[in-house]
């Protein structure tokens, strides 16, 4: 039972250090929502009230073609253990290859960003709460810089 009390005490101490609760500072007022809208994500299952799509940020890769950003993305790919599923050089392992140019959810920069940010069903976690947007864009830049392999390991047999 002691670890539970220690955990509760830690949570209380962190809340006290923060100066308030989840609503905002000690005044109890709500914090203003972020001025930056969330990244756009498209799901065919969404039903929009009155047919109006809510606003979302346009997804443009600020690092497109930037070799330094691609190098930083490669380091992040390793540091975040992306290669644990997608293999070294993103050539595929437990997760699919990200270097062969074949994308289940689309291979445009914005679509790759969304896959990393929001995750995908059946195995791809959402990293949008863990990696800042700049880091995700650097990952996208790295993935887009990879040359396709000369022999794709999974091929269609007719």
N, C-alpha and C. Protein backbone atom coordinates (compact mmCIF):
# COMPACT_ATOMS: atom_id res chain seq x y z
N UNK A 1 0.81 -1.20 0.00
CA UNK A 1 0.00 0.00 0.00
C UNK A 1 0.85 1.26 0.00
N UNK A 2 2.05 1.22 0.52
CA UNK A 2 2.88 2.41 0.59
C UNK A 2 3.18 3.00 -0.78
N UNK A 3 3.46 2.19 -1.83
CA UNK A 3 3.72 2.80 -3.15
C UNK A 3 2.53 3.60 -3.67
N UNK A 4 1.31 3.18 -3.36
CA UNK A 4 0.13 3.91 -3.82
C UNK A 4 0.10 5.29 -3.18
N UNK A 5 0.35 5.34 -1.85
CA UNK A 5 0.35 6.63 -1.16
C UNK A 5 1.48 7.53 -1.67
N UNK A 6 2.64 6.94 -1.96
CA UNK A 6 3.75 7.72 -2.50
C UNK A 6 3.39 8.28 -3.87
N UNK A 7 2.72 7.49 -4.70
CA UNK A 7 2.31 7.95 -6.02
C UNK A 7 1.29 9.08 -5.92
N UNK A 8 0.34 8.94 -5.00
CA UNK A 8 -0.66 9.99 -4.80
C UNK A 8 0.00 11.27 -4.30
N UNK A 9 0.96 11.13 -3.42
CA UNK A 9 1.67 12.30 -2.91
C UNK A 9 2.44 12.99 -4.02
N UNK A 10 3.05 12.20 -4.92
CA UNK A 10 3.78 12.77 -6.05
C UNK A 10 2.85 13.53 -6.98
N UNK A 11 1.69 12.96 -7.27
CA UNK A 11 0.71 13.64 -8.13
C UNK A 11 0.25 14.94 -7.49
N UNK A 12 -0.02 14.92 -6.19
CA UNK A 12 -0.45 16.13 -5.49
C UNK A 12 0.65 17.18 -5.51
N UNK A 13 1.90 16.75 -5.33
CA UNK A 13 3.01 17.70 -5.34
C UNK A 13 3.18 18.32 -6.72
N UNK A 14 3.05 17.52 -7.77
CA UNK A 14 3.16 18.06 -9.13
C UNK A 14 2.04 19.05 -9.42
N UNK A 15 0.84 18.75 -8.96
CA UNK A 15 -0.28 19.67 -9.16
C UNK A 15 -0.05 20.97 -8.42
N UNK A 16 0.51 20.89 -7.22
CA UNK A 16 0.79 22.10 -6.45
C UNK A 16 1.87 22.93 -7.12
N UNK A 17 2.90 22.28 -7.66
CA UNK A 17 3.97 23.00 -8.35
C UNK A 17 3.46 23.69 -9.59
N UNK A 18 2.49 23.09 -10.22
CA UNK A 18 1.93 23.63 -11.45
C UNK A 18 1.13 24.90 -11.17
N UNK A 19 0.67 25.05 -9.97
CA UNK A 19 -0.03 26.26 -9.60
C UNK A 19 -1.51 26.23 -9.92
N UNK A 20 -2.09 25.08 -10.04
CA UNK A 20 -3.52 25.02 -10.32
C UNK A 20 -3.93 23.63 -10.73
N UNK A 21 -5.07 23.57 -11.39
CA UNK A 21 -5.57 22.28 -11.83
C UNK A 21 -5.57 22.24 -13.34
N UNK A 22 -6.25 21.26 -13.90
CA UNK A 22 -6.24 21.08 -15.35
C UNK A 22 -6.91 22.23 -16.07
N UNK A 23 -7.69 23.06 -15.34
CA UNK A 23 -8.37 24.16 -16.01
C UNK A 23 -7.45 25.33 -16.25
N UNK A 24 -6.34 25.42 -15.56
CA UNK A 24 -5.44 26.54 -15.78
C UNK A 24 -4.69 26.90 -14.54
N UNK A 25 -4.21 28.14 -14.43
CA UNK A 25 -3.45 28.56 -13.26
C UNK A 25 -4.31 28.58 -12.01
N UNK A 26 -3.72 28.95 -10.90
CA UNK A 26 -4.38 28.90 -9.60
C UNK A 26 -5.67 29.71 -9.56
N UNK A 27 -5.88 30.59 -10.51
CA UNK A 27 -7.10 31.40 -10.53
C UNK A 27 -8.32 30.57 -10.89
N UNK A 28 -8.10 29.38 -11.46
CA UNK A 28 -9.22 28.52 -11.83
C UNK A 28 -9.83 28.87 -13.18
N UNK A 29 -9.25 29.81 -13.89
CA UNK A 29 -9.78 30.17 -15.21
C UNK A 29 -9.31 29.18 -16.25
N UNK A 30 -10.08 29.03 -17.27
CA UNK A 30 -9.69 28.12 -18.35
C UNK A 30 -8.62 28.78 -19.21
N UNK A 31 -7.68 27.97 -19.67
CA UNK A 31 -6.66 28.48 -20.56
C UNK A 31 -7.25 28.65 -21.95
N UNK A 32 -6.78 29.66 -22.65
CA UNK A 32 -7.25 29.88 -24.01
C UNK A 32 -6.79 28.73 -24.89
N UNK A 33 -7.63 28.28 -25.82
CA UNK A 33 -7.19 27.21 -26.71
C UNK A 33 -6.02 27.69 -27.56
N UNK A 34 -5.21 26.74 -28.00
CA UNK A 34 -4.07 27.07 -28.84
C UNK A 34 -4.55 27.81 -30.08
N UNK A 35 -3.82 28.85 -30.45
CA UNK A 35 -4.18 29.62 -31.64
C UNK A 35 -3.94 28.81 -32.90
N UNK A 36 -3.07 27.81 -32.79
CA UNK A 36 -2.75 26.98 -33.94
C UNK A 36 -3.75 25.84 -34.04
N UNK A 37 -4.50 25.76 -35.14
CA UNK A 37 -5.48 24.67 -35.27
C UNK A 37 -4.77 23.34 -35.42
N UNK A 38 -5.47 22.25 -35.12
CA UNK A 38 -4.83 20.94 -35.24
C UNK A 38 -4.55 20.61 -36.70
N UNK A 39 -3.61 19.69 -36.93
CA UNK A 39 -3.35 19.32 -38.32
C UNK A 39 -4.57 18.67 -38.94
N UNK A 40 -4.71 18.87 -40.22
CA UNK A 40 -5.85 18.31 -40.94
C UNK A 40 -5.75 16.79 -40.95
N UNK A 41 -6.86 16.14 -40.78
CA UNK A 41 -6.91 14.69 -40.93
C UNK A 41 -8.24 14.35 -41.58
N UNK A 42 -8.21 13.46 -42.52
CA UNK A 42 -9.41 13.12 -43.26
C UNK A 42 -9.82 11.70 -42.92
N UNK A 43 -11.05 11.55 -42.53
CA UNK A 43 -11.63 10.24 -42.32
C UNK A 43 -12.96 10.21 -43.05
N UNK A 44 -13.16 9.23 -43.90
CA UNK A 44 -14.40 9.15 -44.66
C UNK A 44 -15.61 8.94 -43.76
N UNK A 45 -15.38 8.45 -42.54
CA UNK A 45 -16.50 8.18 -41.64
C UNK A 45 -17.03 9.44 -40.95
N UNK A 46 -16.31 10.55 -41.03
CA UNK A 46 -16.76 11.77 -40.36
C UNK A 46 -18.05 12.28 -41.00
N UNK A 47 -18.93 12.76 -40.16
CA UNK A 47 -20.15 13.42 -40.62
C UNK A 47 -20.06 14.85 -40.10
N UNK A 48 -20.10 15.81 -41.00
CA UNK A 48 -19.92 17.20 -40.62
C UNK A 48 -21.27 17.87 -40.43
N UNK A 49 -21.45 18.54 -39.31
CA UNK A 49 -22.69 19.25 -39.02
C UNK A 49 -22.93 20.29 -40.11
N UNK A 50 -24.12 20.28 -40.65
CA UNK A 50 -24.51 21.20 -41.71
C UNK A 50 -23.59 21.10 -42.92
N UNK A 51 -22.86 20.00 -43.04
CA UNK A 51 -21.96 19.81 -44.17
C UNK A 51 -20.72 20.67 -44.14
N UNK A 52 -20.45 21.31 -43.00
CA UNK A 52 -19.30 22.22 -42.90
C UNK A 52 -18.13 21.52 -42.23
N UNK A 53 -17.01 21.49 -42.91
CA UNK A 53 -15.80 20.86 -42.39
C UNK A 53 -15.13 21.84 -41.41
N UNK A 54 -14.75 21.36 -40.19
CA UNK A 54 -14.08 22.25 -39.25
C UNK A 54 -12.71 22.68 -39.79
N UNK A 55 -12.25 23.88 -39.39
CA UNK A 55 -10.97 24.36 -39.90
C UNK A 55 -9.82 23.51 -39.34
N UNK A 56 -8.79 23.40 -40.11
CA UNK A 56 -7.58 22.70 -39.67
C UNK A 56 -6.40 23.31 -40.40
N UNK A 57 -5.24 23.11 -39.84
CA UNK A 57 -4.03 23.68 -40.43
C UNK A 57 -3.70 22.98 -41.74
N UNK A 58 -3.20 23.74 -42.67
CA UNK A 58 -2.70 23.15 -43.90
C UNK A 58 -1.39 22.44 -43.57
N UNK A 59 -1.17 21.33 -44.19
CA UNK A 59 0.03 20.56 -43.90
C UNK A 59 1.03 20.72 -45.03
N UNK A 60 1.97 21.60 -44.81
CA UNK A 60 3.06 21.82 -45.76
C UNK A 60 4.36 21.53 -45.05
N UNK A 61 5.19 20.69 -45.64
CA UNK A 61 6.45 20.31 -45.03
C UNK A 61 7.44 21.48 -45.11
N UNK A 62 7.78 22.08 -43.96
CA UNK A 62 8.71 23.21 -43.99
C UNK A 62 10.15 22.78 -44.27
N UNK A 63 10.43 21.48 -44.23
CA UNK A 63 11.80 20.98 -44.43
C UNK A 63 11.97 20.21 -45.74
N UNK A 64 11.01 20.26 -46.61
CA UNK A 64 11.06 19.49 -47.87
C UNK A 64 12.38 19.77 -48.61
N UNK A 65 13.12 18.69 -48.89
CA UNK A 65 14.37 18.80 -49.63
C UNK A 65 15.56 19.27 -48.81
N UNK A 66 15.40 19.50 -47.52
CA UNK A 66 16.47 20.00 -46.65
C UNK A 66 17.28 18.80 -46.15
N UNK A 67 18.51 18.65 -46.63
CA UNK A 67 19.32 17.48 -46.27
C UNK A 67 19.71 17.48 -44.79
N UNK A 68 19.91 18.65 -44.20
CA UNK A 68 20.23 18.70 -42.77
C UNK A 68 19.04 18.22 -41.94
N UNK A 69 17.83 18.59 -42.34
CA UNK A 69 16.63 18.13 -41.64
C UNK A 69 16.45 16.63 -41.82
N UNK A 70 16.78 16.12 -43.01
CA UNK A 70 16.69 14.67 -43.26
C UNK A 70 17.66 13.92 -42.35
N UNK A 71 18.86 14.46 -42.16
CA UNK A 71 19.84 13.83 -41.27
C UNK A 71 19.34 13.83 -39.83
N UNK A 72 18.74 14.96 -39.41
CA UNK A 72 18.16 15.02 -38.06
C UNK A 72 16.99 14.05 -37.93
N UNK A 73 16.20 13.91 -38.99
CA UNK A 73 15.09 12.96 -39.00
C UNK A 73 15.59 11.53 -38.88
N UNK A 74 16.70 11.23 -39.53
CA UNK A 74 17.27 9.88 -39.44
C UNK A 74 17.70 9.58 -38.01
N UNK A 75 18.31 10.56 -37.34
CA UNK A 75 18.70 10.37 -35.94
C UNK A 75 17.48 10.18 -35.05
N UNK A 76 16.44 10.93 -35.32
CA UNK A 76 15.20 10.80 -34.55
C UNK A 76 14.54 9.44 -34.82
N UNK A 77 14.62 8.97 -36.05
CA UNK A 77 14.08 7.66 -36.42
C UNK A 77 14.69 6.57 -35.54
N UNK A 78 16.00 6.66 -35.33
CA UNK A 78 16.70 5.70 -34.49
C UNK A 78 16.40 5.95 -33.01
N UNK A 79 16.46 7.20 -32.58
CA UNK A 79 16.25 7.53 -31.17
C UNK A 79 14.85 7.16 -30.68
N UNK A 80 13.85 7.29 -31.54
CA UNK A 80 12.47 6.98 -31.14
C UNK A 80 12.14 5.51 -31.37
N UNK A 81 13.15 4.72 -31.77
CA UNK A 81 13.00 3.28 -31.98
C UNK A 81 12.04 2.95 -33.12
N UNK A 82 11.94 3.84 -34.10
CA UNK A 82 11.12 3.54 -35.28
C UNK A 82 11.69 2.33 -36.00
N UNK A 83 13.04 2.22 -35.96
CA UNK A 83 13.68 1.08 -36.63
C UNK A 83 13.38 -0.24 -35.92
N UNK A 84 12.86 -0.19 -34.71
CA UNK A 84 12.46 -1.41 -34.01
C UNK A 84 11.32 -2.12 -34.73
N UNK A 85 10.48 -1.38 -35.42
CA UNK A 85 9.38 -1.97 -36.21
C UNK A 85 9.65 -1.90 -37.71
N UNK A 86 10.19 -0.77 -38.15
CA UNK A 86 10.34 -0.53 -39.59
C UNK A 86 11.72 -0.91 -40.12
N UNK A 87 12.58 -1.43 -39.25
CA UNK A 87 13.89 -1.91 -39.68
C UNK A 87 14.89 -0.79 -39.93
N UNK A 88 16.16 -1.17 -39.95
CA UNK A 88 17.23 -0.21 -40.25
C UNK A 88 17.05 0.36 -41.64
N UNK A 89 17.21 1.65 -41.76
CA UNK A 89 17.01 2.31 -43.05
C UNK A 89 15.57 2.31 -43.50
N UNK A 90 14.65 1.98 -42.58
CA UNK A 90 13.20 1.98 -42.83
C UNK A 90 12.82 1.00 -43.95
N UNK A 91 13.59 -0.07 -44.11
CA UNK A 91 13.34 -1.02 -45.19
C UNK A 91 12.31 -2.08 -44.84
N UNK A 92 11.79 -2.05 -43.63
CA UNK A 92 10.73 -2.97 -43.23
C UNK A 92 11.25 -4.08 -42.34
N UNK A 93 10.42 -4.46 -41.40
CA UNK A 93 10.70 -5.60 -40.53
C UNK A 93 9.36 -6.10 -40.04
N UNK A 94 8.99 -5.81 -38.79
CA UNK A 94 7.65 -6.14 -38.30
C UNK A 94 6.64 -5.18 -38.92
N UNK A 95 7.03 -3.91 -38.98
CA UNK A 95 6.23 -2.90 -39.66
C UNK A 95 6.65 -2.83 -41.12
N UNK A 96 5.83 -2.20 -41.95
CA UNK A 96 6.13 -2.16 -43.39
C UNK A 96 7.35 -1.30 -43.72
N UNK A 97 7.88 -1.54 -44.89
CA UNK A 97 8.96 -0.70 -45.40
C UNK A 97 8.42 0.71 -45.62
N UNK A 98 9.24 1.67 -45.29
CA UNK A 98 8.89 3.07 -45.54
C UNK A 98 9.79 3.65 -46.63
N UNK A 99 10.57 2.77 -47.25
CA UNK A 99 11.51 3.21 -48.27
C UNK A 99 11.15 2.70 -49.66
N UNK A 100 10.15 1.85 -49.77
CA UNK A 100 9.88 1.24 -51.07
C UNK A 100 8.89 2.03 -51.93
N UNK A 101 8.41 3.16 -51.41
CA UNK A 101 7.51 4.00 -52.20
C UNK A 101 6.07 3.52 -52.23
N UNK A 102 5.75 2.47 -51.49
CA UNK A 102 4.38 1.96 -51.47
C UNK A 102 3.79 2.29 -50.10
N UNK A 103 2.72 3.06 -50.10
CA UNK A 103 2.13 3.57 -48.87
C UNK A 103 0.66 3.18 -48.79
N UNK A 104 0.28 2.54 -47.72
CA UNK A 104 -1.12 2.14 -47.53
C UNK A 104 -2.02 3.35 -47.33
N UNK A 105 -1.55 4.34 -46.60
CA UNK A 105 -2.38 5.51 -46.29
C UNK A 105 -1.93 6.76 -47.04
N UNK A 106 -1.17 6.61 -48.10
CA UNK A 106 -0.74 7.73 -48.92
C UNK A 106 0.69 8.14 -48.62
N UNK A 107 1.43 8.46 -49.66
CA UNK A 107 2.84 8.79 -49.51
C UNK A 107 3.18 10.25 -49.67
N UNK A 108 2.17 11.13 -49.75
CA UNK A 108 2.46 12.56 -49.79
C UNK A 108 2.95 12.99 -48.41
N UNK A 109 3.71 14.07 -48.35
CA UNK A 109 4.26 14.53 -47.08
C UNK A 109 3.17 14.66 -46.01
N UNK A 110 2.06 15.28 -46.35
CA UNK A 110 0.98 15.50 -45.38
C UNK A 110 0.41 14.17 -44.89
N UNK A 111 0.29 13.19 -45.78
CA UNK A 111 -0.26 11.89 -45.39
C UNK A 111 0.70 11.12 -44.49
N UNK A 112 1.98 11.22 -44.75
CA UNK A 112 2.98 10.57 -43.88
C UNK A 112 2.96 11.26 -42.52
N UNK A 113 2.88 12.59 -42.52
CA UNK A 113 2.80 13.34 -41.27
C UNK A 113 1.62 12.84 -40.45
N UNK A 114 0.46 12.71 -41.07
CA UNK A 114 -0.74 12.26 -40.36
C UNK A 114 -0.57 10.86 -39.81
N UNK A 115 0.08 9.98 -40.55
CA UNK A 115 0.29 8.61 -40.07
C UNK A 115 1.15 8.61 -38.81
N UNK A 116 2.17 9.46 -38.77
CA UNK A 116 3.04 9.52 -37.59
C UNK A 116 2.31 10.25 -36.46
N UNK A 117 1.66 11.36 -36.76
CA UNK A 117 1.02 12.19 -35.74
C UNK A 117 -0.15 11.46 -35.07
N UNK A 118 -1.04 10.88 -35.87
CA UNK A 118 -2.26 10.25 -35.36
C UNK A 118 -2.16 8.74 -35.21
N UNK A 119 -1.13 8.11 -35.79
CA UNK A 119 -1.04 6.66 -35.78
C UNK A 119 -1.98 6.04 -36.79
N UNK A 120 -1.93 4.71 -36.88
CA UNK A 120 -2.80 3.98 -37.79
C UNK A 120 -3.26 2.70 -37.11
N UNK A 121 -4.38 2.16 -37.53
CA UNK A 121 -4.89 0.95 -36.90
C UNK A 121 -3.91 -0.22 -37.03
N UNK A 122 -3.98 -1.11 -36.09
CA UNK A 122 -3.24 -2.37 -36.11
C UNK A 122 -1.74 -2.21 -35.96
N UNK A 123 -1.29 -1.28 -35.14
CA UNK A 123 0.13 -1.29 -34.80
C UNK A 123 0.88 0.02 -34.79
N UNK A 124 0.48 1.01 -35.56
CA UNK A 124 1.24 2.26 -35.61
C UNK A 124 0.74 3.20 -34.53
N UNK A 125 1.55 3.43 -33.47
CA UNK A 125 1.12 4.35 -32.41
C UNK A 125 1.09 5.79 -32.90
N UNK A 126 0.29 6.61 -32.24
CA UNK A 126 0.23 8.05 -32.52
C UNK A 126 1.35 8.74 -31.75
N UNK A 127 2.27 9.35 -32.47
CA UNK A 127 3.39 10.03 -31.84
C UNK A 127 3.17 11.54 -31.71
N UNK A 128 2.00 12.04 -32.11
CA UNK A 128 1.72 13.47 -32.04
C UNK A 128 1.75 14.05 -30.65
N UNK A 129 1.52 13.22 -29.65
CA UNK A 129 1.59 13.71 -28.26
C UNK A 129 2.98 13.61 -27.68
N UNK A 130 3.91 13.00 -28.40
CA UNK A 130 5.25 12.77 -27.87
C UNK A 130 6.33 13.54 -28.64
N UNK A 131 6.20 13.58 -29.94
CA UNK A 131 7.20 14.25 -30.78
C UNK A 131 6.60 15.57 -31.26
N UNK A 132 7.34 16.67 -31.10
CA UNK A 132 6.82 17.95 -31.61
C UNK A 132 6.66 17.93 -33.13
N UNK A 133 5.82 18.81 -33.64
CA UNK A 133 5.54 18.84 -35.08
C UNK A 133 6.81 18.98 -35.92
N UNK A 134 7.75 19.79 -35.45
CA UNK A 134 8.99 19.98 -36.20
C UNK A 134 9.72 18.65 -36.33
N UNK A 135 9.73 17.85 -35.26
CA UNK A 135 10.38 16.55 -35.30
C UNK A 135 9.68 15.60 -36.26
N UNK A 136 8.35 15.63 -36.27
CA UNK A 136 7.61 14.78 -37.19
C UNK A 136 7.91 15.18 -38.63
N UNK A 137 7.98 16.49 -38.89
CA UNK A 137 8.30 16.92 -40.25
C UNK A 137 9.71 16.47 -40.65
N UNK A 138 10.64 16.47 -39.70
CA UNK A 138 12.00 16.00 -40.00
C UNK A 138 11.99 14.50 -40.29
N UNK A 139 11.16 13.74 -39.57
CA UNK A 139 11.01 12.32 -39.88
C UNK A 139 10.46 12.14 -41.29
N UNK A 140 9.45 12.92 -41.63
CA UNK A 140 8.87 12.85 -42.98
C UNK A 140 9.94 13.17 -44.02
N UNK A 141 10.72 14.20 -43.78
CA UNK A 141 11.78 14.60 -44.71
C UNK A 141 12.79 13.48 -44.88
N UNK A 142 13.16 12.82 -43.77
CA UNK A 142 14.07 11.69 -43.83
C UNK A 142 13.47 10.56 -44.68
N UNK A 143 12.23 10.20 -44.40
CA UNK A 143 11.60 9.09 -45.12
C UNK A 143 11.49 9.39 -46.61
N UNK A 144 11.16 10.63 -46.94
CA UNK A 144 11.02 11.00 -48.35
C UNK A 144 12.39 11.06 -49.06
N UNK A 145 13.48 11.17 -48.29
CA UNK A 145 14.81 11.24 -48.89
C UNK A 145 15.38 9.85 -49.20
N UNK A 146 14.74 8.81 -48.70
CA UNK A 146 15.26 7.46 -48.89
C UNK A 146 15.10 7.00 -50.33
N UNK A 147 16.16 6.48 -50.93
CA UNK A 147 16.02 5.95 -52.29
C UNK A 147 15.29 4.61 -52.24
N UNK A 148 14.42 4.35 -53.18
CA UNK A 148 13.74 3.06 -53.18
C UNK A 148 14.74 1.93 -53.43
N UNK A 149 14.54 0.78 -52.79
CA UNK A 149 15.48 -0.32 -53.00
C UNK A 149 15.40 -0.84 -54.42
N UNK A 150 16.49 -1.39 -54.91
CA UNK A 150 16.52 -1.93 -56.28
C UNK A 150 15.67 -3.20 -56.38
N UNK A 151 15.57 -3.94 -55.26
CA UNK A 151 14.74 -5.14 -55.23
C UNK A 151 13.80 -5.02 -54.04
N UNK A 152 12.53 -4.82 -54.29
CA UNK A 152 11.56 -4.67 -53.23
C UNK A 152 11.35 -6.05 -52.58
N UNK A 153 11.48 -6.15 -51.24
CA UNK A 153 11.42 -7.46 -50.60
C UNK A 153 10.05 -8.14 -50.70
N UNK A 154 9.00 -7.38 -50.83
CA UNK A 154 7.68 -8.00 -51.00
C UNK A 154 7.18 -7.67 -52.38
N UNK A 155 6.93 -8.68 -53.18
CA UNK A 155 6.56 -8.46 -54.56
C UNK A 155 5.25 -9.17 -54.86
N UNK A 156 4.57 -8.69 -55.85
CA UNK A 156 3.32 -9.30 -56.28
C UNK A 156 3.63 -10.47 -57.20
N UNK A 157 3.14 -11.63 -56.84
CA UNK A 157 3.36 -12.81 -57.68
C UNK A 157 2.10 -13.11 -58.45
N UNK A 158 2.21 -13.22 -59.76
CA UNK A 158 1.03 -13.45 -60.60
C UNK A 158 0.94 -14.88 -61.02
